[in-house]
Structure formats: C-alpha cells, structure tokens
Amino acid sequence: MIISDVFPAHPPELAREMVTIAHFDLQRVKELVGARQSLAKAAWDWGFGDWETALGAASHMGNRPIAEYLISQGAPPSLFSAVMLGQLEVVKALVAAAPGVERMRGPHSISLLAHARMGDQAARPVFDFLQSFRDADADAPISLSEGQIAALVGTYVFGVGITQQVDLTADLKMYANNKMYTHPPQLNWTRKGTMTRPLFHLGNLTFYPAGAPTARVTFTEVADGVVMTVSDGELALSAPRKRQPAQ
C-alpha cells in the first residue's frame, strides 16, 4: 500500500466522496463507514469556507435513513439534524439555550426552516414551531434583471493557468424544483476545476456565495468591460472578464 503524504489524516478526496454521497447513497455510505468508521464524521469545504459534514448533507436533503445511520456510527447530532428528524423538544431546548439560533444557516446557506421542510411530515411540528419566528428562513436576495445578468455572465481571468479562471453562468435549472432554497440563487460562480458556488445578490452587483455570508463577490463596470472582485477575510482578488470574440 502506498502511504499518502497526508497520512495519518484521511485523504481529502475520500472526505469529499463521503460528504458527497451522504446526500443520496446509503449503500455507499455504509461501505465507506464500514471500512473507516471515523468517516461518519467527515467534513468538506465546498468553497469559501462552506464546510459541510456528512450528517449535514443528509440533513438538508431530508435523507432520514442516512442521517440515522451516521448518528448510529458516531456522527455528532446537530441542530440541523434535529430539525430535519423532527425532534421538537431538542430544537426547543436549543433555541431556549441560545436565543437567536433559529437564524443560523447550515451548509450552502440553507435555513433551519428549509431543513424542517425537507424533513416532510415527520418534521411538521418543528416546521410549525420555527414558523413562529420571523427569521428562521433565508431573506430574499435583491432581484436582478435579465439585462443585469446578461451583462455579468462570462469568464473572469486572474492568472495565466487554465484553473485561474472563473466562469459565471445563469443556468439555474437545478434549483427549479428544489425545496432546500425558499429563494433560489441567481448566478453560478465556478473556478475551473472546482465545485460551483451559487451566488445571492445583496444589491449594487454585490453577492455572497452560498455558505459564506461574510464573503463578497462584487462586479464593477469599467471602460473596457467588467471586473470581478472577491473579498474573503484577508483574500482580495480582482479579475477582468475575458473579452468575447467579435460576432
């Protein structure tokens, strides 16, 4: 066996697979956890610090069998799993212990109320309880016109390598019938070779990426096109949009 350079930490690609398949594939979850039980606690950063655990994935998908299996294998229960599983007394106790916790967002900025919605009838009492708070669901993003969207989409370049580019697209069909988002994203931000991050508009062509409410992606019109600026903690990156070939 070839020993990974990250040993004894789990290989990142294994953690990523675990979190990914915890959304939908119970059989594969059991195979991975059967080989390495600690993977029940796996976490992955999808981008901009949007950390998601395997249990978090099952919770916002409303996947009760996977969530219950992961907990039985050592995954720490969370507020989000309790909401989806319909554990009303647990949720009430956490809200009482930490006032305002109902505003907390889960992976990909999915709200507590959405987790209850994904839990279906078993979580209906939790859904009704959370609806008594005005801030348990996500705020609606500022609307964008078709003209504004068309003026922003394209490829933004911040270096010479093929991966040093960001594609901004408006193909949002994947969210059309998705109950996880009360208000669907408005644009997709994808660094070449990485996972897509949905964007939500805050106004003035400034957005936050899903799962990272303090990060900012801002677009500014300049004389010869559009410049994208990404601000995330100490990171500040600017990238002009690649010019489109003349028609």
C-alpha atoms as a PDB file:
ATOM      1  CA  MET A   1       0.000   0.000   0.000  1.00  0.00           C
ATOM      2  CA  ILE A   2       1.256   3.470  -0.900  1.00  0.00           C
ATOM      3  CA  ILE A   3       1.070   5.749   2.121  1.00  0.00           C
ATOM      4  CA  SER A   4      -0.459   9.136   1.327  1.00  0.00           C
ATOM      5  CA  ASP A   5       1.509  12.301   2.056  1.00  0.00           C
ATOM      6  CA  VAL A   6      -1.323  13.425   4.321  1.00  0.00           C
ATOM      7  CA  PHE A   7      -1.219  10.251   6.471  1.00  0.00           C
ATOM      8  CA  PRO A   8      -2.482   9.866   9.189  1.00  0.00           C
ATOM      9  CA  ALA A   9      -5.142  12.350   8.077  1.00  0.00           C
ATOM     10  CA  HIS A  10      -7.734  10.932   5.708  1.00  0.00           C
ATOM     11  CA  PRO A  11      -7.100  11.747   2.038  1.00  0.00           C
ATOM     12  CA  PRO A  12      -9.115  14.858   1.085  1.00  0.00           C
ATOM     13  CA  GLU A  13     -10.684  13.088  -1.877  1.00  0.00           C
ATOM     14  CA  LEU A  14     -12.063  10.424   0.482  1.00  0.00           C
ATOM     15  CA  ALA A  15     -13.630  13.038   2.760  1.00  0.00           C
ATOM     16  CA  ARG A  16     -15.102  14.731  -0.294  1.00  0.00           C
ATOM     17  CA  GLU A  17     -16.616  11.486  -1.553  1.00  0.00           C
ATOM     18  CA  MET A  18     -18.075  10.729   1.856  1.00  0.00           C
ATOM     19  CA  VAL A  19     -19.786  14.102   2.149  1.00  0.00           C
ATOM     20  CA  THR A  20     -20.978  13.963  -1.456  1.00  0.00           C
ATOM     21  CA  ILE A  21     -22.577  10.530  -1.322  1.00  0.00           C
ATOM     22  CA  ALA A  22     -24.099  11.255   2.112  1.00  0.00           C
ATOM     23  CA  HIS A  23     -26.619  13.354   0.202  1.00  0.00           C
ATOM     24  CA  PHE A  24     -28.189  10.360  -1.533  1.00  0.00           C
ATOM     25  CA  ASP A  25     -26.431   6.942  -1.448  1.00  0.00           C
ATOM     26  CA  LEU A  26     -26.963   4.916   1.735  1.00  0.00           C
ATOM     27  CA  GLN A  27     -25.267   1.801   0.376  1.00  0.00           C
ATOM     28  CA  ARG A  28     -22.041   3.635  -0.464  1.00  0.00           C
ATOM     29  CA  VAL A  29     -22.152   5.445   2.881  1.00  0.00           C
ATOM     30  CA  LYS A  30     -22.259   2.073   4.628  1.00  0.00           C
ATOM     31  CA  GLU A  31     -19.352   0.790   2.530  1.00  0.00           C
ATOM     32  CA  LEU A  32     -17.137   3.763   3.366  1.00  0.00           C
ATOM     33  CA  VAL A  33     -18.039   3.870   7.039  1.00  0.00           C
ATOM     34  CA  GLY A  34     -17.684   0.103   7.269  1.00  0.00           C
ATOM     35  CA  ALA A  35     -14.083   0.456   6.088  1.00  0.00           C
ATOM     36  CA  ARG A  36     -13.306   3.576   8.149  1.00  0.00           C
ATOM     37  CA  GLN A  37     -15.878   4.316  10.837  1.00  0.00           C
ATOM     38  CA  SER A  38     -14.449   7.768  11.508  1.00  0.00           C
ATOM     39  CA  LEU A  39     -15.706   8.852   8.067  1.00  0.00           C
ATOM     40  CA  ALA A  40     -19.135   9.159   9.675  1.00  0.00           C
ATOM     41  CA  LYS A  41     -17.775  12.479  10.993  1.00  0.00           C
ATOM     42  CA  ALA A  42     -16.227  13.605   7.678  1.00  0.00           C
ATOM     43  CA  ALA A  43     -16.393  17.270   6.642  1.00  0.00           C
ATOM     44  CA  TRP A  44     -15.568  19.037   3.389  1.00  0.00           C
ATOM     45  CA  ASP A  45     -15.137  22.694   2.362  1.00  0.00           C
ATOM     46  CA  TRP A  46     -17.079  23.204  -0.881  1.00  0.00           C
ATOM     47  CA  GLY A  47     -15.589  26.669  -1.281  1.00  0.00           C
ATOM     48  CA  PHE A  48     -15.322  29.980   0.604  1.00  0.00           C
ATOM     49  CA  GLY A  49     -15.379  28.054   3.888  1.00  0.00           C
ATOM     50  CA  ASP A  50     -18.733  26.427   3.131  1.00  0.00           C
ATOM     51  CA  TRP A  51     -17.990  23.446   5.383  1.00  0.00           C
ATOM     52  CA  GLU A  52     -20.407  20.538   5.248  1.00  0.00           C
ATOM     53  CA  THR A  53     -20.394  17.314   7.242  1.00  0.00           C
ATOM     54  CA  ALA A  54     -21.762  14.020   6.000  1.00  0.00           C
ATOM     55  CA  LEU A  55     -24.604  14.375   8.504  1.00  0.00           C
ATOM     56  CA  GLY A  56     -25.187  17.950   7.355  1.00  0.00           C
ATOM     57  CA  ALA A  57     -25.559  16.695   3.793  1.00  0.00           C
ATOM     58  CA  ALA A  58     -28.137  14.066   4.764  1.00  0.00           C
ATOM     59  CA  SER A  59     -29.967  16.611   6.922  1.00  0.00           C
ATOM     60  CA  HIS A  60     -30.608  19.252   4.296  1.00  0.00           C
ATOM     61  CA  MET A  61     -31.592  16.571   1.777  1.00  0.00           C
ATOM     62  CA  GLY A  62     -34.191  15.196   4.182  1.00  0.00           C
ATOM     63  CA  ASN A  63     -32.481  11.804   3.986  1.00  0.00           C
ATOM     64  CA  ARG A  64     -33.554  10.239   7.273  1.00  0.00           C
ATOM     65  CA  PRO A  65     -32.039   6.753   6.704  1.00  0.00           C
ATOM     66  CA  ILE A  66     -28.571   8.174   6.031  1.00  0.00           C
ATOM     67  CA  ALA A  67     -28.805  10.653   8.904  1.00  0.00           C
ATOM     68  CA  GLU A  68     -29.871   7.992  11.395  1.00  0.00           C
ATOM     69  CA  TYR A  69     -27.163   5.611  10.206  1.00  0.00           C
ATOM     70  CA  LEU A  70     -24.423   8.254  10.507  1.00  0.00           C
ATOM     71  CA  ILE A  71     -25.531   9.160  14.034  1.00  0.00           C
ATOM     72  CA  SER A  72     -25.505   5.463  14.975  1.00  0.00           C
ATOM     73  CA  GLN A  73     -21.903   5.322  13.730  1.00  0.00           C
ATOM     74  CA  GLY A  74     -20.650   8.259  15.759  1.00  0.00           C
ATOM     75  CA  ALA A  75     -21.599  11.403  13.830  1.00  0.00           C
ATOM     76  CA  PRO A  76     -22.425  14.094  16.424  1.00  0.00           C
ATOM     77  CA  PRO A  77     -26.106  15.128  16.181  1.00  0.00           C
ATOM     78  CA  SER A  78     -26.629  18.793  15.358  1.00  0.00           C
ATOM     79  CA  LEU A  79     -29.364  21.402  15.457  1.00  0.00           C
ATOM     80  CA  PHE A  80     -29.878  20.815  11.736  1.00  0.00           C
ATOM     81  CA  SER A  81     -30.217  17.048  12.058  1.00  0.00           C
ATOM     82  CA  ALA A  82     -32.634  17.500  14.983  1.00  0.00           C
ATOM     83  CA  VAL A  83     -34.775  19.848  12.878  1.00  0.00           C
ATOM     84  CA  MET A  84     -34.918  17.506   9.885  1.00  0.00           C
ATOM     85  CA  LEU A  85     -35.590  14.452  12.072  1.00  0.00           C
ATOM     86  CA  GLY A  86     -38.495  16.232  13.759  1.00  0.00           C
ATOM     87  CA  GLN A  87     -37.014  16.269  17.269  1.00  0.00           C
ATOM     88  CA  LEU A  88     -39.148  19.134  18.533  1.00  0.00           C
ATOM     89  CA  GLU A  89     -38.113  19.081  22.200  1.00  0.00           C
ATOM     90  CA  VAL A  90     -34.430  19.094  21.219  1.00  0.00           C
ATOM     91  CA  VAL A  91     -34.972  22.059  18.921  1.00  0.00           C
ATOM     92  CA  LYS A  92     -36.975  23.963  21.543  1.00  0.00           C
ATOM     93  CA  ALA A  93     -34.251  23.369  24.134  1.00  0.00           C
ATOM     94  CA  LEU A  94     -31.505  24.624  21.816  1.00  0.00           C
ATOM     95  CA  VAL A  95     -33.496  27.723  20.871  1.00  0.00           C
ATOM     96  CA  ALA A  96     -34.138  28.453  24.558  1.00  0.00           C
ATOM     97  CA  ALA A  97     -30.463  27.908  25.451  1.00  0.00           C
ATOM     98  CA  ALA A  98     -29.161  30.125  22.651  1.00  0.00           C
ATOM     99  CA  PRO A  99     -31.697  32.782  21.667  1.00  0.00           C
ATOM    100  CA  GLY A 100     -31.385  33.701  18.026  1.00  0.00           C
ATOM    101  CA  VAL A 101     -30.022  30.303  16.985  1.00  0.00           C
ATOM    102  CA  GLU A 102     -33.070  29.927  14.741  1.00  0.00           C
ATOM    103  CA  ARG A 103     -31.334  32.378  12.380  1.00  0.00           C
ATOM    104  CA  MET A 104     -28.360  30.053  11.919  1.00  0.00           C
ATOM    105  CA  ARG A 105     -27.807  28.838   8.377  1.00  0.00           C
ATOM    106  CA  GLY A 106     -26.475  25.417   7.506  1.00  0.00           C
ATOM    107  CA  PRO A 107     -24.240  24.281   4.637  1.00  0.00           C
ATOM    108  CA  HIS A 108     -24.820  26.231   1.420  1.00  0.00           C
ATOM    109  CA  SER A 109     -26.743  28.858   3.469  1.00  0.00           C
ATOM    110  CA  ILE A 110     -29.761  26.555   3.766  1.00  0.00           C
ATOM    111  CA  SER A 111     -32.037  27.793   6.549  1.00  0.00           C
ATOM    112  CA  LEU A 112     -33.380  25.890   9.542  1.00  0.00           C
ATOM    113  CA  LEU A 113     -36.905  26.236   8.209  1.00  0.00           C
ATOM    114  CA  ALA A 114     -35.801  24.635   4.943  1.00  0.00           C
ATOM    115  CA  HIS A 115     -34.318  21.699   6.887  1.00  0.00           C
ATOM    116  CA  ALA A 116     -37.709  21.230   8.539  1.00  0.00           C
ATOM    117  CA  ARG A 117     -39.409  21.431   5.160  1.00  0.00           C
ATOM    118  CA  MET A 118     -37.083  18.716   3.819  1.00  0.00           C
ATOM    119  CA  GLY A 119     -37.995  16.543   6.826  1.00  0.00           C
ATOM    120  CA  ASP A 120     -41.548  16.340   5.454  1.00  0.00           C
ATOM    121  CA  GLN A 121     -44.411  15.207   7.723  1.00  0.00           C
ATOM    122  CA  ALA A 122     -42.156  13.810  10.448  1.00  0.00           C
ATOM    123  CA  ALA A 123     -40.727  17.305  10.922  1.00  0.00           C
ATOM    124  CA  ARG A 124     -44.025  19.175  10.595  1.00  0.00           C
ATOM    125  CA  PRO A 125     -44.230  20.098  14.319  1.00  0.00           C
ATOM    126  CA  VAL A 126     -40.711  21.555  14.087  1.00  0.00           C
ATOM    127  CA  PHE A 127     -41.648  23.422  10.914  1.00  0.00           C
ATOM    128  CA  ASP A 128     -44.682  24.947  12.650  1.00  0.00           C
ATOM    129  CA  PHE A 129     -42.570  25.903  15.674  1.00  0.00           C
ATOM    130  CA  LEU A 130     -39.903  27.602  13.547  1.00  0.00           C
ATOM    131  CA  GLN A 131     -42.529  29.481  11.569  1.00  0.00           C
ATOM    132  CA  SER A 132     -43.397  31.331  14.761  1.00  0.00           C
ATOM    133  CA  PHE A 133     -40.048  33.120  14.342  1.00  0.00           C
ATOM    134  CA  ARG A 134     -39.799  35.676  11.570  1.00  0.00           C
ATOM    135  CA  ASP A 135     -36.129  34.997  10.915  1.00  0.00           C
ATOM    136  CA  ALA A 136     -35.884  31.191  10.706  1.00  0.00           C
ATOM    137  CA  ASP A 137     -35.880  31.298   6.914  1.00  0.00           C
ATOM    138  CA  ALA A 138     -33.455  32.948   4.500  1.00  0.00           C
ATOM    139  CA  ASP A 139     -34.011  36.527   3.385  1.00  0.00           C
ATOM    140  CA  ALA A 140     -34.919  37.053  -0.237  1.00  0.00           C
ATOM    141  CA  PRO A 141     -32.000  38.287  -2.361  1.00  0.00           C
ATOM    142  CA  ILE A 142     -32.260  41.570  -4.243  1.00  0.00           C
ATOM    143  CA  SER A 143     -33.743  40.930  -7.670  1.00  0.00           C
ATOM    144  CA  LEU A 144     -31.661  41.073 -10.848  1.00  0.00           C
ATOM    145  CA  SER A 145     -32.963  41.963 -14.275  1.00  0.00           C
ATOM    146  CA  GLU A 146     -32.259  39.820 -17.315  1.00  0.00           C
ATOM    147  CA  GLY A 147     -30.167  42.703 -18.638  1.00  0.00           C
ATOM    148  CA  GLN A 148     -28.039  42.809 -15.493  1.00  0.00           C
ATOM    149  CA  ILE A 149     -27.479  39.053 -15.635  1.00  0.00           C
ATOM    150  CA  ALA A 150     -26.528  39.147 -19.313  1.00  0.00           C
ATOM    151  CA  ALA A 151     -24.053  41.943 -18.583  1.00  0.00           C
ATOM    152  CA  LEU A 152     -22.234  39.841 -15.971  1.00  0.00           C
ATOM    153  CA  VAL A 153     -22.027  36.279 -17.301  1.00  0.00           C
ATOM    154  CA  GLY A 154     -18.758  35.200 -18.846  1.00  0.00           C
ATOM    155  CA  THR A 155     -15.261  34.050 -17.889  1.00  0.00           C
ATOM    156  CA  TYR A 156     -13.128  36.092 -15.488  1.00  0.00           C
ATOM    157  CA  VAL A 157      -9.353  35.648 -15.536  1.00  0.00           C
ATOM    158  CA  PHE A 158      -6.954  36.256 -12.621  1.00  0.00           C
ATOM    159  CA  GLY A 159      -3.857  34.386 -13.842  1.00  0.00           C
ATOM    160  CA  VAL A 160      -2.273  32.561 -16.761  1.00  0.00           C
ATOM    161  CA  GLY A 161      -3.172  28.978 -15.771  1.00  0.00           C
ATOM    162  CA  ILE A 162      -6.308  27.255 -17.023  1.00  0.00           C
ATOM    163  CA  THR A 163      -7.549  26.900 -13.439  1.00  0.00           C
ATOM    164  CA  GLN A 164      -7.043  30.616 -12.776  1.00  0.00           C
ATOM    165  CA  GLN A 165     -10.365  31.450 -14.337  1.00  0.00           C
ATOM    166  CA  VAL A 166     -13.902  31.770 -13.007  1.00  0.00           C
ATOM    167  CA  ASP A 167     -16.994  31.012 -15.063  1.00  0.00           C
ATOM    168  CA  LEU A 168     -20.096  32.999 -14.165  1.00  0.00           C
ATOM    169  CA  THR A 169     -23.275  31.437 -15.534  1.00  0.00           C
ATOM    170  CA  ALA A 170     -27.012  31.869 -15.165  1.00  0.00           C
ATOM    171  CA  ASP A 171     -28.121  28.284 -15.796  1.00  0.00           C
ATOM    172  CA  LEU A 172     -30.229  27.728 -12.683  1.00  0.00           C
ATOM    173  CA  LYS A 173     -32.426  24.817 -13.802  1.00  0.00           C
ATOM    174  CA  MET A 174     -31.024  22.652 -10.992  1.00  0.00           C
ATOM    175  CA  TYR A 175     -32.821  24.852  -8.452  1.00  0.00           C
ATOM    176  CA  ALA A 176     -36.195  24.968 -10.222  1.00  0.00           C
ATOM    177  CA  ASN A 177     -37.929  22.326  -8.081  1.00  0.00           C
ATOM    178  CA  ASN A 178     -35.570  22.418  -5.135  1.00  0.00           C
ATOM    179  CA  LYS A 179     -37.258  22.793  -1.735  1.00  0.00           C
ATOM    180  CA  MET A 180     -33.958  23.495   0.017  1.00  0.00           C
ATOM    181  CA  TYR A 181     -33.942  27.125  -1.108  1.00  0.00           C
ATOM    182  CA  THR A 182     -37.001  29.274  -0.430  1.00  0.00           C
ATOM    183  CA  HIS A 183     -35.338  31.863  -2.653  1.00  0.00           C
ATOM    184  CA  PRO A 184     -33.155  30.251  -5.337  1.00  0.00           C
ATOM    185  CA  PRO A 185     -29.674  31.532  -6.211  1.00  0.00           C
ATOM    186  CA  GLN A 186     -29.335  33.947  -9.104  1.00  0.00           C
ATOM    187  CA  LEU A 187     -25.930  33.119 -10.600  1.00  0.00           C
ATOM    188  CA  ASN A 188     -23.388  30.292 -10.505  1.00  0.00           C
ATOM    189  CA  TRP A 189     -19.705  31.003  -9.721  1.00  0.00           C
ATOM    190  CA  THR A 190     -17.250  28.259 -10.692  1.00  0.00           C
ATOM    191  CA  ARG A 191     -13.477  28.327 -10.568  1.00  0.00           C
ATOM    192  CA  LYS A 192     -12.279  25.993 -13.310  1.00  0.00           C
ATOM    193  CA  GLY A 193     -11.747  22.522 -11.872  1.00  0.00           C
ATOM    194  CA  THR A 194     -13.728  23.125  -8.659  1.00  0.00           C
ATOM    195  CA  MET A 195     -17.325  22.928  -7.481  1.00  0.00           C
ATOM    196  CA  THR A 196     -19.921  25.513  -8.451  1.00  0.00           C
ATOM    197  CA  ARG A 197     -20.874  28.059  -5.816  1.00  0.00           C
ATOM    198  CA  PRO A 198     -24.339  29.669  -6.103  1.00  0.00           C
ATOM    199  CA  LEU A 199     -24.462  33.444  -5.620  1.00  0.00           C
ATOM    200  CA  PHE A 200     -27.113  35.587  -3.893  1.00  0.00           C
ATOM    201  CA  HIS A 201     -27.481  39.297  -4.725  1.00  0.00           C
ATOM    202  CA  LEU A 202     -27.174  41.822  -1.887  1.00  0.00           C
ATOM    203  CA  GLY A 203     -27.623  44.854  -4.143  1.00  0.00           C
ATOM    204  CA  ASN A 204     -25.323  47.066  -6.241  1.00  0.00           C
ATOM    205  CA  LEU A 205     -23.984  43.977  -8.067  1.00  0.00           C
ATOM    206  CA  THR A 206     -22.530  42.622  -4.820  1.00  0.00           C
ATOM    207  CA  PHE A 207     -23.188  38.974  -3.941  1.00  0.00           C
ATOM    208  CA  TYR A 208     -22.384  36.449  -1.257  1.00  0.00           C
ATOM    209  CA  PRO A 209     -21.585  32.821  -2.139  1.00  0.00           C
ATOM    210  CA  ALA A 210     -23.769  30.061  -0.721  1.00  0.00           C
ATOM    211  CA  GLY A 211     -22.489  29.010   2.681  1.00  0.00           C
ATOM    212  CA  ALA A 212     -20.279  32.081   3.102  1.00  0.00           C
ATOM    213  CA  PRO A 213     -22.415  35.069   4.131  1.00  0.00           C
ATOM    214  CA  THR A 214     -19.387  37.233   5.009  1.00  0.00           C
ATOM    215  CA  ALA A 215     -17.576  36.723   1.688  1.00  0.00           C
ATOM    216  CA  ARG A 216     -18.290  39.175  -1.109  1.00  0.00           C
ATOM    217  CA  VAL A 217     -18.193  38.896  -4.881  1.00  0.00           C
ATOM    218  CA  THR A 218     -18.615  42.325  -6.500  1.00  0.00           C
ATOM    219  CA  PHE A 219     -18.821  43.299 -10.172  1.00  0.00           C
ATOM    220  CA  THR A 220     -17.828  46.726 -11.443  1.00  0.00           C
ATOM    221  CA  GLU A 221     -18.300  48.074 -14.932  1.00  0.00           C
ATOM    222  CA  VAL A 222     -15.142  49.704 -16.324  1.00  0.00           C
ATOM    223  CA  ALA A 223     -14.337  51.362 -19.625  1.00  0.00           C
ATOM    224  CA  ASP A 224     -13.390  48.144 -21.408  1.00  0.00           C
ATOM    225  CA  GLY A 225     -15.612  45.605 -19.678  1.00  0.00           C
ATOM    226  CA  VAL A 226     -16.402  44.206 -16.224  1.00  0.00           C
ATOM    227  CA  VAL A 227     -14.097  43.448 -13.278  1.00  0.00           C
ATOM    228  CA  MET A 228     -14.938  40.909 -10.573  1.00  0.00           C
ATOM    229  CA  THR A 229     -13.560  41.425  -7.070  1.00  0.00           C
ATOM    230  CA  VAL A 230     -13.613  38.657  -4.475  1.00  0.00           C
ATOM    231  CA  SER A 231     -13.156  39.582  -0.804  1.00  0.00           C
ATOM    232  CA  ASP A 232     -12.949  36.840   1.808  1.00  0.00           C
ATOM    233  CA  GLY A 233     -11.093  37.649   5.015  1.00  0.00           C
ATOM    234  CA  GLU A 234      -7.545  38.596   4.044  1.00  0.00           C
ATOM    235  CA  LEU A 235      -8.109  37.462   0.460  1.00  0.00           C
ATOM    236  CA  ALA A 236      -8.743  40.171  -2.122  1.00  0.00           C
ATOM    237  CA  LEU A 237      -8.751  39.067  -5.759  1.00  0.00           C
ATOM    238  CA  SER A 238      -9.613  41.035  -8.886  1.00  0.00           C
ATOM    239  CA  ALA A 239     -10.271  39.505 -12.284  1.00  0.00           C
ATOM    240  CA  PRO A 240     -11.379  41.188 -15.522  1.00  0.00           C
ATOM    241  CA  ARG A 241     -13.889  39.430 -17.722  1.00  0.00           C
ATOM    242  CA  LYS A 242     -12.415  37.814 -20.794  1.00  0.00           C
ATOM    243  CA  ARG A 243     -13.391  39.689 -23.905  1.00  0.00           C
ATOM    244  CA  GLN A 244     -15.910  37.948 -26.085  1.00  0.00           C
ATOM    245  CA  PRO A 245     -14.850  37.290 -29.692  1.00  0.00           C
ATOM    246  CA  ALA A 246     -16.426  39.653 -32.179  1.00  0.00           C
ATOM    247  CA  GLN A 247     -19.531  38.290 -33.890  1.00  0.00           C
END
